[in-house]
Amino acid sequence: MSTYANTLTASQTDAYTEARAKYVMGKAYDDLLAAMSRGFSGVTKERLNDWRDVLLYLMGKRALKWFQLQIILPDGKEKAVMYELQANGSFLSDDSSGGVNFFQFPKEATVKIVLQRNQNNFAETSAYLAARGWVGGAKEITGTASASITYSKDNYGLTRKIIG
């Protein structure tokens, strides 16, 4: 009897740099500014800046998996703009920001941001989030997603999808 072993090796690189993170977050921030221009209650420049700063911090700690801009309609229906982080060199394109029509949602919709971390620097990032007033227990909005676009620089980036 003979045996056959097939051993494969793959390497993944961490393509994070501060400049790359700022570039892709800048494109996502453009989307957030579009949400602010819709006039949703509580979506202010100060709040958007806080969200951006927290997300950039988590990117720097290699602790961010994804984040969602969640839109809860007055009738309870949920929509989300989902951003998934990829830092392993898998991006081939960089799309333009924009293209989310926030005016399709009523101004009375509730807008919030939800994020998911991995285990990297978990205690440190937990303390950071707590100090900034971020709380746990939020849930991801799931459902059918639209075609995705990517914001990337030198193989580091975000994939954006619209869910719901």
N, C-alpha and C. Protein backbone atom coordinates (compact mmCIF):
# COMPACT_ATOMS: atom_id res chain seq x y z
N MET A 1 0.84 -1.16 0.00
CA MET A 1 0.00 0.00 0.00
C MET A 1 0.89 1.23 0.00
N SER A 2 0.51 2.18 -0.79
CA SER A 2 1.29 3.42 -0.81
C SER A 2 0.38 4.58 -0.45
N THR A 3 0.97 5.60 0.03
CA THR A 3 0.22 6.80 0.37
C THR A 3 0.76 7.97 -0.43
N TYR A 4 -0.06 8.91 -0.61
CA TYR A 4 0.32 10.10 -1.35
C TYR A 4 0.00 11.32 -0.50
N ALA A 5 0.98 12.12 -0.30
CA ALA A 5 0.78 13.35 0.46
C ALA A 5 0.93 14.53 -0.46
N ASN A 6 -0.01 15.39 -0.41
CA ASN A 6 0.03 16.61 -1.21
C ASN A 6 0.14 17.78 -0.25
N THR A 7 1.28 18.38 -0.20
CA THR A 7 1.51 19.50 0.71
C THR A 7 1.59 20.78 -0.10
N LEU A 8 0.77 21.72 0.28
CA LEU A 8 0.75 23.02 -0.38
C LEU A 8 1.10 24.10 0.63
N THR A 9 1.76 25.09 0.18
CA THR A 9 2.11 26.20 1.05
C THR A 9 1.65 27.49 0.40
N ALA A 10 1.08 28.35 1.19
CA ALA A 10 0.69 29.66 0.70
C ALA A 10 1.19 30.69 1.70
N SER A 11 1.63 31.78 1.18
CA SER A 11 2.04 32.83 2.10
C SER A 11 1.15 34.04 1.88
N GLN A 12 0.86 34.70 2.94
CA GLN A 12 0.09 35.93 2.87
C GLN A 12 0.93 37.03 3.48
N THR A 13 0.93 38.13 2.82
CA THR A 13 1.65 39.26 3.36
C THR A 13 0.66 40.24 3.94
N ASP A 14 1.10 40.99 4.90
CA ASP A 14 0.29 42.05 5.48
C ASP A 14 0.68 43.32 4.75
N ALA A 15 -0.20 43.81 3.92
CA ALA A 15 0.10 44.97 3.08
C ALA A 15 -0.18 46.30 3.78
N TYR A 16 -0.44 46.27 5.10
CA TYR A 16 -0.77 47.51 5.82
C TYR A 16 0.42 48.47 5.83
N THR A 17 0.12 49.71 5.53
CA THR A 17 0.96 50.85 5.87
C THR A 17 -0.02 51.96 6.25
N GLU A 18 0.44 52.91 7.01
CA GLU A 18 -0.43 54.01 7.40
C GLU A 18 -0.96 54.75 6.17
N ALA A 19 -0.09 54.98 5.19
CA ALA A 19 -0.50 55.69 3.98
C ALA A 19 -1.59 54.93 3.23
N ARG A 20 -1.46 53.62 3.12
CA ARG A 20 -2.46 52.81 2.43
C ARG A 20 -3.79 52.85 3.19
N ALA A 21 -3.72 52.73 4.51
CA ALA A 21 -4.95 52.76 5.32
C ALA A 21 -5.65 54.11 5.17
N LYS A 22 -4.90 55.20 5.21
CA LYS A 22 -5.50 56.53 5.07
C LYS A 22 -6.12 56.71 3.69
N TYR A 23 -5.48 56.16 2.68
CA TYR A 23 -6.00 56.27 1.33
C TYR A 23 -7.36 55.58 1.20
N VAL A 24 -7.43 54.31 1.61
CA VAL A 24 -8.69 53.57 1.45
C VAL A 24 -9.76 54.11 2.40
N MET A 25 -9.36 54.53 3.60
CA MET A 25 -10.33 55.09 4.53
C MET A 25 -10.85 56.43 4.01
N GLY A 26 -10.01 57.16 3.29
CA GLY A 26 -10.45 58.41 2.68
C GLY A 26 -11.59 58.19 1.70
N LYS A 27 -11.51 57.10 0.96
CA LYS A 27 -12.59 56.78 0.02
C LYS A 27 -13.86 56.37 0.76
N ALA A 28 -13.72 55.58 1.81
CA ALA A 28 -14.89 55.21 2.62
C ALA A 28 -15.46 56.45 3.30
N TYR A 29 -14.58 57.35 3.72
CA TYR A 29 -15.03 58.60 4.36
C TYR A 29 -15.87 59.43 3.38
N ASP A 30 -15.52 59.41 2.09
CA ASP A 30 -16.34 60.09 1.09
C ASP A 30 -17.77 59.56 1.14
N ASP A 31 -17.91 58.24 1.28
CA ASP A 31 -19.25 57.64 1.38
C ASP A 31 -19.96 58.13 2.64
N LEU A 32 -19.22 58.21 3.75
CA LEU A 32 -19.82 58.68 5.00
C LEU A 32 -20.28 60.14 4.87
N LEU A 33 -19.48 60.95 4.18
CA LEU A 33 -19.87 62.34 3.96
C LEU A 33 -21.15 62.44 3.14
N ALA A 34 -21.31 61.52 2.20
CA ALA A 34 -22.55 61.50 1.41
C ALA A 34 -23.74 61.19 2.31
N ALA A 35 -23.55 60.30 3.27
CA ALA A 35 -24.63 60.00 4.23
C ALA A 35 -24.94 61.24 5.06
N MET A 36 -23.90 61.97 5.47
CA MET A 36 -24.12 63.19 6.24
C MET A 36 -24.90 64.21 5.42
N SER A 37 -24.58 64.32 4.14
CA SER A 37 -25.27 65.31 3.30
C SER A 37 -26.75 64.99 3.14
N ARG A 38 -27.13 63.74 3.38
CA ARG A 38 -28.55 63.36 3.33
C ARG A 38 -29.33 64.02 4.46
N GLY A 39 -28.65 64.32 5.56
CA GLY A 39 -29.32 64.98 6.67
C GLY A 39 -29.89 64.04 7.72
N PHE A 40 -29.36 62.81 7.79
CA PHE A 40 -29.80 61.90 8.84
C PHE A 40 -29.50 62.52 10.20
N SER A 41 -30.40 62.35 11.14
CA SER A 41 -30.23 62.88 12.48
C SER A 41 -28.99 62.27 13.14
N GLY A 42 -28.17 63.11 13.73
CA GLY A 42 -27.01 62.64 14.47
C GLY A 42 -25.79 62.32 13.64
N VAL A 43 -25.90 62.38 12.32
CA VAL A 43 -24.74 62.12 11.46
C VAL A 43 -24.09 63.46 11.18
N THR A 44 -23.12 63.78 12.02
CA THR A 44 -22.43 65.07 11.95
C THR A 44 -20.98 64.87 11.55
N LYS A 45 -20.35 65.94 11.18
CA LYS A 45 -18.92 65.88 10.81
C LYS A 45 -18.10 65.37 11.99
N GLU A 46 -18.43 65.81 13.20
CA GLU A 46 -17.69 65.36 14.38
C GLU A 46 -17.84 63.85 14.58
N ARG A 47 -19.04 63.34 14.40
CA ARG A 47 -19.28 61.90 14.55
C ARG A 47 -18.53 61.13 13.47
N LEU A 48 -18.58 61.61 12.23
CA LEU A 48 -17.86 60.94 11.14
C LEU A 48 -16.36 60.94 11.40
N ASN A 49 -15.84 62.03 11.92
CA ASN A 49 -14.42 62.08 12.24
C ASN A 49 -14.06 61.08 13.33
N ASP A 50 -14.93 60.93 14.33
CA ASP A 50 -14.71 59.93 15.37
C ASP A 50 -14.69 58.54 14.77
N TRP A 51 -15.68 58.22 13.94
CA TRP A 51 -15.73 56.91 13.31
C TRP A 51 -14.45 56.65 12.51
N ARG A 52 -14.05 57.63 11.69
CA ARG A 52 -12.84 57.48 10.87
C ARG A 52 -11.61 57.25 11.74
N ASP A 53 -11.47 58.04 12.81
CA ASP A 53 -10.31 57.89 13.68
C ASP A 53 -10.25 56.52 14.33
N VAL A 54 -11.39 56.02 14.79
CA VAL A 54 -11.44 54.69 15.40
C VAL A 54 -11.07 53.62 14.38
N LEU A 55 -11.63 53.71 13.19
CA LEU A 55 -11.35 52.71 12.16
C LEU A 55 -9.88 52.73 11.76
N LEU A 56 -9.30 53.92 11.62
CA LEU A 56 -7.87 54.00 11.29
C LEU A 56 -7.01 53.43 12.41
N TYR A 57 -7.39 53.68 13.65
CA TYR A 57 -6.67 53.11 14.79
C TYR A 57 -6.69 51.58 14.72
N LEU A 58 -7.87 51.01 14.50
CA LEU A 58 -7.99 49.56 14.43
C LEU A 58 -7.23 48.99 13.23
N MET A 59 -7.23 49.71 12.13
CA MET A 59 -6.43 49.27 10.98
C MET A 59 -4.95 49.22 11.36
N GLY A 60 -4.50 50.25 12.05
CA GLY A 60 -3.11 50.30 12.48
C GLY A 60 -2.72 49.19 13.43
N LYS A 61 -3.66 48.74 14.22
CA LYS A 61 -3.42 47.63 15.16
C LYS A 61 -3.68 46.28 14.50
N ARG A 62 -3.99 46.30 13.22
CA ARG A 62 -4.33 45.09 12.46
C ARG A 62 -5.46 44.31 13.12
N ALA A 63 -6.43 45.06 13.65
CA ALA A 63 -7.51 44.47 14.44
C ALA A 63 -8.88 44.57 13.78
N LEU A 64 -8.99 45.25 12.65
CA LEU A 64 -10.29 45.45 12.01
C LEU A 64 -10.56 44.36 10.98
N LYS A 65 -11.75 43.75 11.06
CA LYS A 65 -12.18 42.79 10.03
C LYS A 65 -13.11 43.45 9.03
N TRP A 66 -14.14 44.12 9.55
CA TRP A 66 -15.11 44.80 8.70
C TRP A 66 -15.83 45.87 9.50
N PHE A 67 -16.50 46.75 8.77
CA PHE A 67 -17.43 47.68 9.41
C PHE A 67 -18.61 47.91 8.48
N GLN A 68 -19.73 48.28 9.09
CA GLN A 68 -20.95 48.56 8.36
C GLN A 68 -21.52 49.90 8.77
N LEU A 69 -21.93 50.67 7.79
CA LEU A 69 -22.77 51.83 8.04
C LEU A 69 -24.19 51.28 7.94
N GLN A 70 -24.88 51.21 9.06
CA GLN A 70 -26.20 50.61 9.11
C GLN A 70 -27.27 51.68 9.07
N ILE A 71 -28.29 51.40 8.27
CA ILE A 71 -29.41 52.33 8.10
C ILE A 71 -30.67 51.56 8.47
N ILE A 72 -31.29 51.98 9.57
CA ILE A 72 -32.51 51.35 10.05
C ILE A 72 -33.68 52.26 9.67
N LEU A 73 -34.52 51.76 8.79
CA LEU A 73 -35.64 52.56 8.30
C LEU A 73 -36.73 52.66 9.36
N PRO A 74 -37.59 53.68 9.27
CA PRO A 74 -38.67 53.84 10.26
C PRO A 74 -39.57 52.61 10.40
N ASP A 75 -39.71 51.83 9.33
CA ASP A 75 -40.55 50.63 9.40
C ASP A 75 -39.79 49.41 9.94
N GLY A 76 -38.52 49.60 10.33
CA GLY A 76 -37.72 48.53 10.91
C GLY A 76 -36.84 47.78 9.92
N LYS A 77 -37.01 48.00 8.64
CA LYS A 77 -36.15 47.34 7.65
C LYS A 77 -34.72 47.84 7.82
N GLU A 78 -33.79 46.92 7.57
CA GLU A 78 -32.37 47.24 7.77
C GLU A 78 -31.60 47.17 6.45
N LYS A 79 -30.76 48.14 6.26
CA LYS A 79 -29.86 48.22 5.11
C LYS A 79 -28.46 48.47 5.65
N ALA A 80 -27.45 48.13 4.88
CA ALA A 80 -26.09 48.39 5.34
C ALA A 80 -25.17 48.62 4.15
N VAL A 81 -24.20 49.48 4.36
CA VAL A 81 -23.07 49.61 3.46
C VAL A 81 -21.93 48.91 4.18
N MET A 82 -21.49 47.79 3.64
CA MET A 82 -20.52 46.90 4.28
C MET A 82 -19.14 47.11 3.67
N TYR A 83 -18.15 47.24 4.54
CA TYR A 83 -16.75 47.39 4.12
C TYR A 83 -15.94 46.27 4.76
N GLU A 84 -15.39 45.40 3.94
CA GLU A 84 -14.55 44.31 4.44
C GLU A 84 -13.10 44.62 4.12
N LEU A 85 -12.25 44.51 5.14
CA LEU A 85 -10.85 44.82 4.98
C LEU A 85 -10.07 43.61 4.48
N GLN A 86 -9.22 43.84 3.51
CA GLN A 86 -8.30 42.82 3.02
C GLN A 86 -6.91 43.43 3.05
N ALA A 87 -6.01 42.76 3.73
CA ALA A 87 -4.64 43.27 3.83
C ALA A 87 -3.63 42.24 3.34
N ASN A 88 -4.10 41.29 2.54
CA ASN A 88 -3.23 40.18 2.15
C ASN A 88 -2.75 40.25 0.71
N GLY A 89 -2.86 41.38 0.08
CA GLY A 89 -2.34 41.53 -1.27
C GLY A 89 -3.24 40.98 -2.35
N SER A 90 -4.54 40.88 -2.09
CA SER A 90 -5.43 40.25 -3.07
C SER A 90 -6.18 41.23 -3.96
N PHE A 91 -5.90 42.51 -3.90
CA PHE A 91 -6.63 43.49 -4.69
C PHE A 91 -5.97 43.72 -6.04
N LEU A 92 -6.80 43.83 -7.05
CA LEU A 92 -6.30 44.10 -8.39
C LEU A 92 -6.81 45.42 -8.95
N SER A 93 -7.81 46.03 -8.29
CA SER A 93 -8.38 47.27 -8.82
C SER A 93 -8.66 48.26 -7.70
N ASP A 94 -8.84 49.50 -8.08
CA ASP A 94 -9.20 50.57 -7.17
C ASP A 94 -10.31 51.37 -7.83
N ASP A 95 -11.51 51.30 -7.28
CA ASP A 95 -12.66 51.99 -7.86
C ASP A 95 -12.82 53.38 -7.26
N SER A 96 -13.61 54.18 -7.94
CA SER A 96 -13.93 55.52 -7.43
C SER A 96 -14.89 55.40 -6.26
N SER A 97 -14.78 56.34 -5.33
CA SER A 97 -15.72 56.37 -4.21
C SER A 97 -17.05 56.94 -4.70
N GLY A 98 -18.04 56.82 -3.84
CA GLY A 98 -19.35 57.34 -4.18
C GLY A 98 -20.25 56.27 -4.77
N GLY A 99 -21.39 56.71 -5.25
CA GLY A 99 -22.31 55.80 -5.89
C GLY A 99 -23.37 55.22 -4.97
N VAL A 100 -23.36 55.61 -3.69
CA VAL A 100 -24.41 55.16 -2.78
C VAL A 100 -25.45 56.27 -2.72
N ASN A 101 -26.67 55.95 -3.08
CA ASN A 101 -27.75 56.94 -3.09
C ASN A 101 -28.44 56.95 -1.74
N PHE A 102 -27.96 57.76 -0.83
CA PHE A 102 -28.57 57.85 0.50
C PHE A 102 -29.91 58.57 0.47
N PHE A 103 -30.21 59.27 -0.61
CA PHE A 103 -31.49 59.97 -0.71
C PHE A 103 -32.65 59.01 -0.96
N GLN A 104 -32.36 57.74 -1.19
CA GLN A 104 -33.44 56.75 -1.32
C GLN A 104 -34.02 56.39 0.05
N PHE A 105 -33.32 56.78 1.12
CA PHE A 105 -33.76 56.48 2.48
C PHE A 105 -34.34 57.73 3.13
N PRO A 106 -35.41 57.58 3.91
CA PRO A 106 -35.97 58.76 4.58
C PRO A 106 -35.00 59.35 5.61
N LYS A 107 -35.06 60.67 5.76
CA LYS A 107 -34.19 61.35 6.72
C LYS A 107 -34.39 60.84 8.14
N GLU A 108 -35.55 60.27 8.42
CA GLU A 108 -35.87 59.78 9.76
C GLU A 108 -35.19 58.44 10.07
N ALA A 109 -34.53 57.86 9.11
CA ALA A 109 -33.84 56.58 9.35
C ALA A 109 -32.77 56.78 10.43
N THR A 110 -32.51 55.73 11.18
CA THR A 110 -31.44 55.73 12.18
C THR A 110 -30.17 55.22 11.51
N VAL A 111 -29.07 55.92 11.71
CA VAL A 111 -27.80 55.55 11.10
C VAL A 111 -26.78 55.32 12.20
N LYS A 112 -26.07 54.22 12.11
CA LYS A 112 -25.01 53.92 13.08
C LYS A 112 -23.91 53.14 12.38
N ILE A 113 -22.81 53.01 13.06
CA ILE A 113 -21.71 52.22 12.53
C ILE A 113 -21.46 51.04 13.46
N VAL A 114 -21.21 49.89 12.86
CA VAL A 114 -20.93 48.66 13.60
C VAL A 114 -19.65 48.09 13.01
N LEU A 115 -18.81 47.56 13.87
CA LEU A 115 -17.56 46.98 13.38
C LEU A 115 -17.30 45.63 14.01
N GLN A 116 -16.46 44.86 13.35
CA GLN A 116 -16.03 43.56 13.87
C GLN A 116 -14.51 43.55 13.90
N ARG A 117 -13.98 43.15 15.04
CA ARG A 117 -12.53 43.05 15.19
C ARG A 117 -12.11 41.59 15.14
N ASN A 118 -10.82 41.39 14.92
CA ASN A 118 -10.24 40.07 15.11
C ASN A 118 -9.55 40.07 16.47
N GLN A 119 -8.75 39.09 16.74
CA GLN A 119 -8.12 38.97 18.06
C GLN A 119 -6.81 39.76 18.21
N ASN A 120 -6.32 40.38 17.16
CA ASN A 120 -5.06 41.12 17.24
C ASN A 120 -5.19 42.29 18.23
N ASN A 121 -4.27 42.35 19.16
CA ASN A 121 -4.23 43.45 20.13
C ASN A 121 -5.58 43.66 20.82
N PHE A 122 -6.25 42.56 21.14
CA PHE A 122 -7.63 42.61 21.59
C PHE A 122 -7.81 43.43 22.87
N ALA A 123 -6.99 43.18 23.87
CA ALA A 123 -7.15 43.91 25.13
C ALA A 123 -6.90 45.41 24.92
N GLU A 124 -5.88 45.74 24.16
CA GLU A 124 -5.55 47.14 23.90
C GLU A 124 -6.66 47.84 23.12
N THR A 125 -7.17 47.18 22.08
CA THR A 125 -8.22 47.81 21.29
C THR A 125 -9.54 47.87 22.06
N SER A 126 -9.78 46.90 22.92
CA SER A 126 -11.00 46.94 23.75
C SER A 126 -10.96 48.14 24.69
N ALA A 127 -9.81 48.38 25.31
CA ALA A 127 -9.66 49.52 26.21
C ALA A 127 -9.82 50.83 25.44
N TYR A 128 -9.24 50.89 24.27
CA TYR A 128 -9.35 52.08 23.43
C TYR A 128 -10.81 52.37 23.08
N LEU A 129 -11.53 51.35 22.62
CA LEU A 129 -12.93 51.53 22.25
C LEU A 129 -13.78 51.94 23.46
N ALA A 130 -13.55 51.32 24.60
CA ALA A 130 -14.30 51.67 25.81
C ALA A 130 -14.05 53.12 26.20
N ALA A 131 -12.79 53.55 26.11
CA ALA A 131 -12.45 54.93 26.47
C ALA A 131 -13.12 55.94 25.54
N ARG A 132 -13.40 55.53 24.32
CA ARG A 132 -14.04 56.42 23.35
C ARG A 132 -15.56 56.30 23.37
N GLY A 133 -16.08 55.46 24.27
CA GLY A 133 -17.53 55.35 24.42
C GLY A 133 -18.20 54.36 23.48
N TRP A 134 -17.42 53.52 22.82
CA TRP A 134 -17.99 52.51 21.95
C TRP A 134 -18.42 51.32 22.80
N VAL A 135 -19.57 50.76 22.49
CA VAL A 135 -20.09 49.63 23.26
C VAL A 135 -20.23 48.41 22.36
N GLY A 136 -20.19 47.24 22.97
CA GLY A 136 -20.34 45.99 22.24
C GLY A 136 -21.79 45.58 22.12
N GLY A 137 -21.98 44.43 21.51
CA GLY A 137 -23.31 43.85 21.42
C GLY A 137 -24.07 44.17 20.16
N ALA A 138 -23.49 44.92 19.25
CA ALA A 138 -24.18 45.22 18.00
C ALA A 138 -24.18 43.98 17.11
N LYS A 139 -25.10 43.96 16.16
CA LYS A 139 -25.15 42.81 15.27
C LYS A 139 -24.96 43.24 13.83
N GLU A 140 -24.41 42.32 13.07
CA GLU A 140 -24.19 42.52 11.65
C GLU A 140 -25.51 42.41 10.90
N ILE A 141 -25.70 43.27 9.93
CA ILE A 141 -26.84 43.14 9.03
C ILE A 141 -26.41 42.21 7.90
N THR A 142 -27.19 41.18 7.67
CA THR A 142 -26.89 40.22 6.62
C THR A 142 -28.00 40.24 5.59
N GLY A 143 -27.76 39.64 4.48
CA GLY A 143 -28.77 39.57 3.43
C GLY A 143 -28.12 39.60 2.07
N THR A 144 -28.93 39.79 1.07
CA THR A 144 -28.44 39.84 -0.30
C THR A 144 -27.61 41.10 -0.50
N ALA A 145 -26.44 40.92 -1.08
CA ALA A 145 -25.53 42.05 -1.30
C ALA A 145 -25.46 42.39 -2.78
N SER A 146 -25.32 43.67 -3.04
CA SER A 146 -25.14 44.13 -4.42
C SER A 146 -23.72 43.81 -4.86
N ALA A 147 -23.45 44.04 -6.11
CA ALA A 147 -22.10 43.87 -6.62
C ALA A 147 -21.15 44.74 -5.81
N SER A 148 -19.96 44.26 -5.63
CA SER A 148 -19.02 44.98 -4.78
C SER A 148 -18.07 45.84 -5.62
N ILE A 149 -17.53 46.84 -4.94
CA ILE A 149 -16.45 47.64 -5.51
C ILE A 149 -15.31 47.62 -4.50
N THR A 150 -14.15 48.02 -4.94
CA THR A 150 -13.00 48.01 -4.04
C THR A 150 -12.33 49.38 -4.00
N TYR A 151 -11.86 49.68 -2.81
CA TYR A 151 -11.00 50.83 -2.59
C TYR A 151 -9.66 50.24 -2.19
N SER A 152 -8.62 50.43 -2.99
CA SER A 152 -7.36 49.79 -2.64
C SER A 152 -6.16 50.63 -3.05
N LYS A 153 -5.09 50.36 -2.36
CA LYS A 153 -3.80 50.97 -2.67
C LYS A 153 -2.73 49.94 -2.37
N ASP A 154 -1.98 49.59 -3.39
CA ASP A 154 -0.85 48.66 -3.23
C ASP A 154 -1.26 47.40 -2.48
N ASN A 155 -2.36 46.80 -2.91
CA ASN A 155 -2.84 45.51 -2.38
C ASN A 155 -3.35 45.55 -0.95
N TYR A 156 -3.77 46.71 -0.49
CA TYR A 156 -4.42 46.86 0.80
C TYR A 156 -5.72 47.58 0.54
N GLY A 157 -6.83 47.08 1.08
CA GLY A 157 -8.04 47.81 0.77
C GLY A 157 -9.31 47.30 1.41
N LEU A 158 -10.38 47.93 0.97
CA LEU A 158 -11.73 47.63 1.45
C LEU A 158 -12.58 47.20 0.26
N THR A 159 -13.41 46.20 0.49
CA THR A 159 -14.44 45.81 -0.47
C THR A 159 -15.76 46.34 0.06
N ARG A 160 -16.47 47.09 -0.76
CA ARG A 160 -17.74 47.68 -0.34
C ARG A 160 -18.90 46.99 -1.06
N LYS A 161 -19.92 46.64 -0.26
CA LYS A 161 -21.15 46.05 -0.79
C LYS A 161 -22.33 46.74 -0.11
N ILE A 162 -23.44 46.77 -0.81
CA ILE A 162 -24.68 47.27 -0.22
C ILE A 162 -25.52 46.05 0.12
N ILE A 163 -25.99 45.97 1.35
CA ILE A 163 -26.76 44.82 1.81
C ILE A 163 -28.19 45.26 2.12
N GLY A 164 -29.13 44.46 1.66
CA GLY A 164 -30.53 44.70 1.96
C GLY A 164 -31.29 45.40 0.87
